[in-house]
């Protein structure tokens, strides 16, 4: 699943931020309370699943500054997952090179 996120990271990022703005969108469209509530809870569930996939990938991978990335998921949950998707390959590469150079 994470490979799909990385492959389509621009599209995933756009969808992620559209979902973050779902409450605003439902207010602009002036939907009734039941529909608005359903849409908001559905987007919260989708965002949580996306966030959880990213967090699990962070925990499994051997990343440079892993503690920073995991903490950023909790303190900046609207920004960290998208940045991580774009930086993941480089973070893995940096960690691998760091161990190679220390020997």
C-alpha atoms as a PDB file:
ATOM      1  CA  UNK A   1       0.000   0.000   0.000  1.00  0.00           C
ATOM      2  CA  UNK A   2       2.808   2.409   0.873  1.00  0.00           C
ATOM      3  CA  UNK A   3       4.389   1.775  -2.540  1.00  0.00           C
ATOM      4  CA  UNK A   4       1.174   2.949  -4.178  1.00  0.00           C
ATOM      5  CA  UNK A   5       1.203   6.062  -1.995  1.00  0.00           C
ATOM      6  CA  UNK A   6       4.792   6.784  -2.990  1.00  0.00           C
ATOM      7  CA  UNK A   7       4.189   6.110  -6.678  1.00  0.00           C
ATOM      8  CA  UNK A   8       1.247   8.527  -6.774  1.00  0.00           C
ATOM      9  CA  UNK A   9       2.465  10.858  -4.021  1.00  0.00           C
ATOM     10  CA  UNK A  10       1.348  14.075  -5.724  1.00  0.00           C
ATOM     11  CA  UNK A  11      -2.178  12.776  -6.255  1.00  0.00           C
ATOM     12  CA  UNK A  12      -2.246  11.304  -2.742  1.00  0.00           C
ATOM     13  CA  UNK A  13      -1.102  14.647  -1.324  1.00  0.00           C
ATOM     14  CA  UNK A  14      -3.821  16.563  -3.151  1.00  0.00           C
ATOM     15  CA  UNK A  15      -6.494  14.107  -2.004  1.00  0.00           C
ATOM     16  CA  UNK A  16      -5.103  14.248   1.548  1.00  0.00           C
ATOM     17  CA  UNK A  17      -5.513  18.024   1.721  1.00  0.00           C
ATOM     18  CA  UNK A  18      -8.928  17.965   0.053  1.00  0.00           C
ATOM     19  CA  UNK A  19     -10.049  15.524   2.740  1.00  0.00           C
ATOM     20  CA  UNK A  20      -8.557  17.773   5.433  1.00  0.00           C
ATOM     21  CA  UNK A  21     -10.745  20.557   4.097  1.00  0.00           C
ATOM     22  CA  UNK A  22     -13.920  18.480   3.963  1.00  0.00           C
ATOM     23  CA  UNK A  23     -15.523  20.374   6.841  1.00  0.00           C
ATOM     24  CA  UNK A  24     -14.958  23.636   5.005  1.00  0.00           C
ATOM     25  CA  UNK A  25     -16.323  22.151   1.783  1.00  0.00           C
ATOM     26  CA  UNK A  26     -19.490  20.875   3.478  1.00  0.00           C
ATOM     27  CA  UNK A  27     -20.051  24.319   5.012  1.00  0.00           C
ATOM     28  CA  UNK A  28     -19.563  26.073   1.674  1.00  0.00           C
ATOM     29  CA  UNK A  29     -21.981  23.687  -0.037  1.00  0.00           C
ATOM     30  CA  UNK A  30     -24.440  24.308   2.803  1.00  0.00           C
ATOM     31  CA  UNK A  31     -25.299  20.621   3.192  1.00  0.00           C
ATOM     32  CA  UNK A  32     -27.772  19.484   5.810  1.00  0.00           C
ATOM     33  CA  UNK A  33     -26.446  18.336   9.179  1.00  0.00           C
ATOM     34  CA  UNK A  34     -26.817  14.574   8.562  1.00  0.00           C
ATOM     35  CA  UNK A  35     -25.024  14.639   5.227  1.00  0.00           C
ATOM     36  CA  UNK A  36     -22.339  16.939   6.563  1.00  0.00           C
ATOM     37  CA  UNK A  37     -21.778  14.712   9.583  1.00  0.00           C
ATOM     38  CA  UNK A  38     -21.562  11.582   7.422  1.00  0.00           C
ATOM     39  CA  UNK A  39     -19.040  13.177   5.065  1.00  0.00           C
ATOM     40  CA  UNK A  40     -16.934  14.473   7.943  1.00  0.00           C
ATOM     41  CA  UNK A  41     -16.804  11.113   9.755  1.00  0.00           C
ATOM     42  CA  UNK A  42     -16.010   9.298   6.519  1.00  0.00           C
ATOM     43  CA  UNK A  43     -13.123  11.641   5.767  1.00  0.00           C
ATOM     44  CA  UNK A  44     -11.823  11.319   9.327  1.00  0.00           C
ATOM     45  CA  UNK A  45     -11.794   7.531   8.909  1.00  0.00           C
ATOM     46  CA  UNK A  46     -10.001   7.741   5.545  1.00  0.00           C
ATOM     47  CA  UNK A  47      -7.449  10.225   6.885  1.00  0.00           C
ATOM     48  CA  UNK A  48      -6.810   8.067   9.945  1.00  0.00           C
ATOM     49  CA  UNK A  49      -6.200   4.978   7.800  1.00  0.00           C
ATOM     50  CA  UNK A  50      -3.821   6.948   5.552  1.00  0.00           C
ATOM     51  CA  UNK A  51      -2.058   8.400   8.618  1.00  0.00           C
ATOM     52  CA  UNK A  52      -1.781   4.925  10.168  1.00  0.00           C
ATOM     53  CA  UNK A  53      -0.231   3.422   7.009  1.00  0.00           C
ATOM     54  CA  UNK A  54       2.397   6.164   6.996  1.00  0.00           C
ATOM     55  CA  UNK A  55       3.092   5.781  10.728  1.00  0.00           C
ATOM     56  CA  UNK A  56       3.498   1.995  10.429  1.00  0.00           C
ATOM     57  CA  UNK A  57       5.892   2.482   7.516  1.00  0.00           C
ATOM     58  CA  UNK A  58       7.920   4.955   9.579  1.00  0.00           C
ATOM     59  CA  UNK A  59       8.160   2.489  12.445  1.00  0.00           C
ATOM     60  CA  UNK A  60       9.160  -0.439  10.200  1.00  0.00           C
ATOM     61  CA  UNK A  61      11.802   1.401   8.161  1.00  0.00           C
ATOM     62  CA  UNK A  62      15.313   2.181   9.247  1.00  0.00           C
ATOM     63  CA  UNK A  63      15.120   5.958   8.794  1.00  0.00           C
ATOM     64  CA  UNK A  64      17.455   8.786   9.568  1.00  0.00           C
ATOM     65  CA  UNK A  65      15.951  10.803  12.469  1.00  0.00           C
ATOM     66  CA  UNK A  66      13.166   8.273  13.019  1.00  0.00           C
ATOM     67  CA  UNK A  67      12.192   9.807  16.373  1.00  0.00           C
ATOM     68  CA  UNK A  68      11.699  13.212  14.772  1.00  0.00           C
ATOM     69  CA  UNK A  69       9.452  11.789  12.062  1.00  0.00           C
ATOM     70  CA  UNK A  70       7.311   9.782  14.454  1.00  0.00           C
ATOM     71  CA  UNK A  71       6.892  12.748  16.803  1.00  0.00           C
ATOM     72  CA  UNK A  72       6.068  15.007  13.872  1.00  0.00           C
ATOM     73  CA  UNK A  73       3.229  12.651  12.952  1.00  0.00           C
ATOM     74  CA  UNK A  74       1.625  13.424  16.306  1.00  0.00           C
ATOM     75  CA  UNK A  75       2.426  17.137  16.539  1.00  0.00           C
ATOM     76  CA  UNK A  76       1.868  18.125  12.890  1.00  0.00           C
ATOM     77  CA  UNK A  77      -0.470  15.420  11.512  1.00  0.00           C
ATOM     78  CA  UNK A  78      -1.671  17.557   8.607  1.00  0.00           C
ATOM     79  CA  UNK A  79       1.836  18.190   7.274  1.00  0.00           C
ATOM     80  CA  UNK A  80       4.180  15.343   8.258  1.00  0.00           C
ATOM     81  CA  UNK A  81       2.654  12.465   6.233  1.00  0.00           C
ATOM     82  CA  UNK A  82       2.865  14.357   2.956  1.00  0.00           C
ATOM     83  CA  UNK A  83       6.415  15.563   3.582  1.00  0.00           C
ATOM     84  CA  UNK A  84       7.398  12.022   4.550  1.00  0.00           C
ATOM     85  CA  UNK A  85       6.036  10.633   1.275  1.00  0.00           C
ATOM     86  CA  UNK A  86       8.250  13.023  -0.674  1.00  0.00           C
ATOM     87  CA  UNK A  87      11.327  12.543   1.559  1.00  0.00           C
ATOM     88  CA  UNK A  88      11.096   8.780   2.226  1.00  0.00           C
ATOM     89  CA  UNK A  89      13.538   7.599  -0.439  1.00  0.00           C
ATOM     90  CA  UNK A  90      16.143  10.153   0.604  1.00  0.00           C
ATOM     91  CA  UNK A  91      15.720   9.333   4.313  1.00  0.00           C
ATOM     92  CA  UNK A  92      16.306   5.636   3.668  1.00  0.00           C
ATOM     93  CA  UNK A  93      19.322   6.446   1.504  1.00  0.00           C
ATOM     94  CA  UNK A  94      20.813   8.772   4.145  1.00  0.00           C
ATOM     95  CA  UNK A  95      20.482   6.140   6.854  1.00  0.00           C
ATOM     96  CA  UNK A  96      22.114   3.454   4.696  1.00  0.00           C
ATOM     97  CA  UNK A  97      25.024   5.737   3.771  1.00  0.00           C
ATOM     98  CA  UNK A  98      25.507   6.820   7.376  1.00  0.00           C
ATOM     99  CA  UNK A  99      26.193   3.222   8.411  1.00  0.00           C
ATOM    100  CA  UNK A 100      28.459   2.629   5.438  1.00  0.00           C
ATOM    101  CA  UNK A 101      30.654   5.651   6.195  1.00  0.00           C
ATOM    102  CA  UNK A 102      31.057   4.860   9.901  1.00  0.00           C
ATOM    103  CA  UNK A 103      32.920   1.581   9.284  1.00  0.00           C
END
